């Protein structure tokens, strides 16, 4: 089913994923991911990266967080971002984007 899900004209539009697809499955045009399971560390970063791929016609990826991953994301960003990058800048950018999404909804 994985190969079928990746096709541009696939009849599959949603997948409920547990473990293996989270860290090893890549669909370039994936644009929305819903979190209903607490992920931490590199697993969280890898999962978020699944919707952060460049793809023709795709302007952004959307993460829908149903369980409150903010603390885990802050910890992962602190651990895995380049130490030369100002983590506060990343946090402020993320906060700005979340504010825009809040206005939309």
N, C-alpha and C. Protein backbone atom coordinates (compact mmCIF):
# COMPACT_ATOMS: atom_id res chain seq x y z
N UNK A 1 0.82 -1.19 0.00
CA UNK A 1 0.00 0.00 0.00
C UNK A 1 0.87 1.26 0.00
N UNK A 2 2.06 1.19 0.56
CA UNK A 2 2.92 2.35 0.63
C UNK A 2 3.24 2.95 -0.72
N UNK A 3 3.56 2.10 -1.69
CA UNK A 3 3.88 2.60 -3.03
C UNK A 3 2.66 3.22 -3.69
N UNK A 4 1.49 2.64 -3.47
CA UNK A 4 0.25 3.19 -4.02
C UNK A 4 -0.05 4.56 -3.41
N UNK A 5 0.16 4.73 -2.12
CA UNK A 5 -0.09 6.00 -1.44
C UNK A 5 0.79 7.12 -2.00
N UNK A 6 1.99 6.79 -2.44
CA UNK A 6 2.93 7.79 -2.96
C UNK A 6 2.58 8.32 -4.34
N UNK A 7 1.79 7.59 -5.10
CA UNK A 7 1.46 7.99 -6.48
C UNK A 7 0.64 9.28 -6.48
N UNK A 8 0.92 10.14 -7.49
CA UNK A 8 0.19 11.41 -7.61
C UNK A 8 -1.31 11.20 -7.77
N UNK A 9 -1.72 10.16 -8.46
CA UNK A 9 -3.13 9.92 -8.72
C UNK A 9 -3.71 8.84 -7.80
N UNK A 10 -3.11 8.64 -6.66
CA UNK A 10 -3.54 7.59 -5.74
C UNK A 10 -4.95 7.86 -5.22
N UNK A 11 -5.71 6.79 -5.04
CA UNK A 11 -7.04 6.92 -4.45
C UNK A 11 -6.94 7.11 -2.94
N UNK A 12 -5.77 6.83 -2.36
CA UNK A 12 -5.57 6.98 -0.92
C UNK A 12 -5.20 8.43 -0.62
N UNK A 13 -5.93 9.06 0.28
CA UNK A 13 -5.69 10.46 0.63
C UNK A 13 -5.31 10.63 2.09
N UNK A 14 -5.51 9.61 2.89
CA UNK A 14 -5.20 9.70 4.31
C UNK A 14 -4.65 8.35 4.77
N UNK A 15 -3.69 8.41 5.65
CA UNK A 15 -3.12 7.18 6.22
C UNK A 15 -3.00 7.36 7.72
N UNK A 16 -3.37 6.35 8.45
CA UNK A 16 -3.16 6.34 9.89
C UNK A 16 -1.87 5.58 10.12
N UNK A 17 -0.90 6.27 10.69
CA UNK A 17 0.47 5.75 10.74
C UNK A 17 0.87 5.43 12.17
N UNK A 18 1.51 4.30 12.33
CA UNK A 18 2.07 3.90 13.61
C UNK A 18 3.52 3.49 13.37
N UNK A 19 4.42 4.20 13.97
CA UNK A 19 5.85 3.89 14.01
C UNK A 19 6.56 3.83 12.67
N UNK A 20 6.53 2.71 11.97
CA UNK A 20 7.42 2.49 10.83
C UNK A 20 7.30 3.57 9.76
N UNK A 21 6.12 3.96 9.38
CA UNK A 21 5.98 4.98 8.35
C UNK A 21 6.41 6.36 8.87
N UNK A 22 6.34 6.57 10.15
CA UNK A 22 6.70 7.88 10.68
C UNK A 22 8.15 8.23 10.38
N UNK A 23 9.05 7.29 10.52
CA UNK A 23 10.46 7.62 10.38
C UNK A 23 11.07 7.13 9.07
N UNK A 24 10.38 6.28 8.33
CA UNK A 24 10.99 5.73 7.14
C UNK A 24 10.20 5.90 5.87
N UNK A 25 9.11 6.63 5.90
CA UNK A 25 8.23 6.75 4.75
C UNK A 25 8.18 8.20 4.32
N UNK A 26 8.36 8.47 3.02
CA UNK A 26 8.42 9.84 2.56
C UNK A 26 7.49 10.02 1.36
N UNK A 27 6.56 10.95 1.47
CA UNK A 27 5.67 11.32 0.38
C UNK A 27 5.88 12.81 0.16
N UNK A 28 6.51 13.17 -0.96
CA UNK A 28 6.90 14.56 -1.17
C UNK A 28 5.73 15.54 -1.12
N UNK A 29 4.56 15.14 -1.61
CA UNK A 29 3.45 16.09 -1.64
C UNK A 29 2.58 16.06 -0.38
N UNK A 30 3.00 15.31 0.64
CA UNK A 30 2.27 15.28 1.91
C UNK A 30 2.24 16.69 2.49
N UNK A 31 1.05 17.19 2.79
CA UNK A 31 0.98 18.57 3.28
C UNK A 31 0.31 18.74 4.63
N UNK A 32 -0.28 17.69 5.19
CA UNK A 32 -0.91 17.79 6.50
C UNK A 32 -0.56 16.55 7.31
N UNK A 33 -0.21 16.77 8.58
CA UNK A 33 0.03 15.66 9.50
C UNK A 33 -0.67 15.98 10.80
N UNK A 34 -1.47 15.03 11.28
CA UNK A 34 -2.19 15.16 12.54
C UNK A 34 -1.45 14.35 13.60
N UNK A 35 -1.16 14.96 14.71
CA UNK A 35 -0.48 14.27 15.80
C UNK A 35 -1.48 13.89 16.88
N UNK A 36 -1.59 12.59 17.14
CA UNK A 36 -2.41 12.10 18.23
C UNK A 36 -1.59 11.20 19.15
N UNK A 37 -0.29 11.19 18.93
CA UNK A 37 0.63 10.36 19.71
C UNK A 37 1.82 11.24 20.10
N UNK A 38 2.22 11.14 21.33
CA UNK A 38 3.36 11.92 21.80
C UNK A 38 4.65 11.39 21.19
N UNK A 39 5.33 12.23 20.47
CA UNK A 39 6.64 11.90 19.92
C UNK A 39 7.66 12.82 20.57
N UNK A 40 8.88 12.37 20.63
CA UNK A 40 9.94 13.17 21.23
C UNK A 40 11.20 13.07 20.39
N UNK A 41 12.10 14.01 20.63
CA UNK A 41 13.45 13.96 20.11
C UNK A 41 13.47 13.84 18.58
N UNK A 42 14.36 12.98 18.08
CA UNK A 42 14.53 12.87 16.63
C UNK A 42 13.29 12.31 15.94
N UNK A 43 12.48 11.50 16.62
CA UNK A 43 11.26 10.99 16.02
C UNK A 43 10.30 12.13 15.70
N UNK A 44 10.20 13.10 16.59
CA UNK A 44 9.34 14.25 16.36
C UNK A 44 9.87 15.08 15.19
N UNK A 45 11.17 15.33 15.18
CA UNK A 45 11.76 16.12 14.10
C UNK A 45 11.58 15.43 12.75
N UNK A 46 11.78 14.12 12.70
CA UNK A 46 11.60 13.38 11.44
C UNK A 46 10.15 13.42 10.98
N UNK A 47 9.23 13.27 11.90
CA UNK A 47 7.81 13.28 11.54
C UNK A 47 7.41 14.65 10.97
N UNK A 48 7.84 15.71 11.61
CA UNK A 48 7.53 17.05 11.13
C UNK A 48 8.15 17.29 9.76
N UNK A 49 9.33 16.76 9.55
CA UNK A 49 10.00 16.93 8.26
C UNK A 49 9.21 16.29 7.12
N UNK A 50 8.34 15.37 7.41
CA UNK A 50 7.54 14.72 6.36
C UNK A 50 6.64 15.71 5.63
N UNK A 51 6.18 16.74 6.28
CA UNK A 51 5.32 17.74 5.62
C UNK A 51 6.10 19.00 5.24
N UNK A 52 7.39 18.98 5.46
CA UNK A 52 8.23 20.14 5.20
C UNK A 52 9.03 19.98 3.91
N UNK A 53 8.59 19.13 3.01
CA UNK A 53 9.29 18.88 1.76
C UNK A 53 8.87 19.88 0.69
N UNK A 54 9.82 20.23 -0.18
CA UNK A 54 9.52 21.08 -1.33
C UNK A 54 8.89 20.21 -2.41
N UNK A 55 7.80 20.71 -2.99
CA UNK A 55 7.10 19.96 -4.02
C UNK A 55 6.35 20.96 -4.89
N UNK A 56 6.34 20.78 -6.21
CA UNK A 56 5.64 21.72 -7.09
C UNK A 56 4.16 21.88 -6.69
N UNK A 57 3.74 23.13 -6.55
CA UNK A 57 2.36 23.43 -6.18
C UNK A 57 2.09 23.38 -4.69
N UNK A 58 3.08 23.02 -3.92
CA UNK A 58 2.92 22.93 -2.46
C UNK A 58 3.62 24.14 -1.84
N UNK A 59 2.86 24.95 -1.12
CA UNK A 59 3.42 26.17 -0.54
C UNK A 59 3.87 25.99 0.90
N UNK A 60 3.29 25.03 1.61
CA UNK A 60 3.59 24.87 3.02
C UNK A 60 3.13 23.50 3.49
N UNK A 61 3.51 23.16 4.69
CA UNK A 61 3.01 21.96 5.35
C UNK A 61 2.29 22.38 6.61
N UNK A 62 1.34 21.60 7.04
CA UNK A 62 0.54 21.92 8.22
C UNK A 62 0.64 20.79 9.23
N UNK A 63 0.97 21.13 10.45
CA UNK A 63 1.00 20.18 11.56
C UNK A 63 -0.20 20.48 12.44
N UNK A 64 -1.03 19.50 12.67
CA UNK A 64 -2.18 19.64 13.56
C UNK A 64 -1.87 18.85 14.83
N UNK A 65 -1.72 19.58 15.92
CA UNK A 65 -1.27 18.99 17.17
C UNK A 65 -2.44 18.86 18.13
N UNK A 66 -2.90 17.63 18.32
CA UNK A 66 -4.03 17.37 19.21
C UNK A 66 -3.61 17.08 20.65
N UNK A 67 -2.32 16.93 20.90
CA UNK A 67 -1.91 16.48 22.24
C UNK A 67 -0.96 17.42 22.96
N UNK A 68 -0.53 18.49 22.30
CA UNK A 68 0.35 19.45 22.96
C UNK A 68 1.81 19.05 22.90
N UNK A 69 2.40 19.21 21.74
CA UNK A 69 3.80 18.82 21.53
C UNK A 69 4.78 19.97 21.74
N UNK A 70 4.30 21.11 22.21
CA UNK A 70 5.15 22.29 22.28
C UNK A 70 6.43 22.06 23.09
N UNK A 71 6.30 21.49 24.27
CA UNK A 71 7.48 21.26 25.11
C UNK A 71 8.45 20.29 24.42
N UNK A 72 7.93 19.20 23.88
CA UNK A 72 8.78 18.23 23.19
C UNK A 72 9.44 18.85 21.96
N UNK A 73 8.71 19.72 21.24
CA UNK A 73 9.29 20.38 20.08
C UNK A 73 10.37 21.37 20.50
N UNK A 74 10.13 22.12 21.56
CA UNK A 74 11.16 23.04 22.07
C UNK A 74 12.43 22.28 22.44
N UNK A 75 12.28 21.13 23.10
CA UNK A 75 13.44 20.33 23.48
C UNK A 75 14.17 19.79 22.25
N UNK A 76 13.42 19.31 21.28
CA UNK A 76 14.04 18.78 20.06
C UNK A 76 14.75 19.87 19.28
N UNK A 77 14.12 21.04 19.18
CA UNK A 77 14.77 22.15 18.48
C UNK A 77 16.07 22.55 19.17
N UNK A 78 16.05 22.59 20.47
CA UNK A 78 17.25 22.95 21.22
C UNK A 78 18.36 21.92 21.00
N UNK A 79 17.98 20.67 20.90
CA UNK A 79 18.97 19.60 20.75
C UNK A 79 19.49 19.46 19.33
N UNK A 80 18.61 19.60 18.32
CA UNK A 80 18.98 19.26 16.96
C UNK A 80 19.20 20.43 16.01
N UNK A 81 18.97 21.65 16.44
CA UNK A 81 19.25 22.77 15.55
C UNK A 81 20.70 23.17 15.68
N UNK A 82 21.19 23.79 14.65
CA UNK A 82 22.58 24.26 14.61
C UNK A 82 22.79 25.23 15.77
N UNK A 83 23.82 25.01 16.54
CA UNK A 83 24.08 25.86 17.71
C UNK A 83 24.39 27.30 17.31
N UNK A 84 24.76 27.54 16.05
CA UNK A 84 25.00 28.90 15.58
C UNK A 84 23.68 29.63 15.33
N UNK A 85 22.62 28.89 15.14
CA UNK A 85 21.31 29.48 14.89
C UNK A 85 20.70 29.89 16.23
N UNK A 86 20.12 31.05 16.24
CA UNK A 86 19.50 31.54 17.45
C UNK A 86 18.15 30.84 17.64
N UNK A 87 18.05 30.01 18.65
CA UNK A 87 16.82 29.26 18.93
C UNK A 87 15.66 30.22 19.19
N UNK A 88 15.94 31.36 19.78
CA UNK A 88 14.88 32.35 20.03
C UNK A 88 14.28 32.84 18.72
N UNK A 89 15.10 33.01 17.68
CA UNK A 89 14.59 33.42 16.37
C UNK A 89 13.65 32.36 15.80
N UNK A 90 14.02 31.11 15.95
CA UNK A 90 13.19 30.01 15.47
C UNK A 90 11.87 30.00 16.24
N UNK A 91 11.96 30.15 17.54
CA UNK A 91 10.75 30.17 18.38
C UNK A 91 9.84 31.33 17.98
N UNK A 92 10.41 32.52 17.77
CA UNK A 92 9.61 33.68 17.39
C UNK A 92 8.94 33.49 16.04
N UNK A 93 9.66 32.90 15.09
CA UNK A 93 9.08 32.63 13.78
C UNK A 93 7.93 31.63 13.90
N UNK A 94 8.13 30.59 14.68
CA UNK A 94 7.09 29.58 14.89
C UNK A 94 5.86 30.23 15.55
N UNK A 95 6.10 31.08 16.53
CA UNK A 95 5.01 31.76 17.23
C UNK A 95 4.24 32.67 16.27
N UNK A 96 4.96 33.36 15.39
CA UNK A 96 4.32 34.23 14.40
C UNK A 96 3.43 33.42 13.45
N UNK A 97 3.94 32.28 12.97
CA UNK A 97 3.17 31.45 12.05
C UNK A 97 1.94 30.87 12.75
N UNK A 98 2.08 30.48 14.00
CA UNK A 98 0.93 29.97 14.76
C UNK A 98 -0.12 31.05 14.95
N UNK A 99 0.33 32.28 15.16
CA UNK A 99 -0.60 33.41 15.32
C UNK A 99 -1.41 33.60 14.04
N UNK A 100 -0.75 33.49 12.90
CA UNK A 100 -1.45 33.63 11.61
C UNK A 100 -2.49 32.52 11.46
N UNK A 101 -2.11 31.29 11.81
CA UNK A 101 -3.06 30.19 11.73
C UNK A 101 -4.24 30.40 12.67
N UNK A 102 -3.98 30.91 13.85
CA UNK A 102 -5.08 31.19 14.80
C UNK A 102 -6.05 32.22 14.22
N UNK A 103 -5.52 33.21 13.52
CA UNK A 103 -6.40 34.21 12.90
C UNK A 103 -7.27 33.57 11.82
N UNK A 104 -6.69 32.65 11.06
CA UNK A 104 -7.45 31.98 10.00
C UNK A 104 -8.60 31.17 10.57
N UNK A 105 -8.35 30.52 11.70
CA UNK A 105 -9.36 29.64 12.26
C UNK A 105 -10.12 30.30 13.38
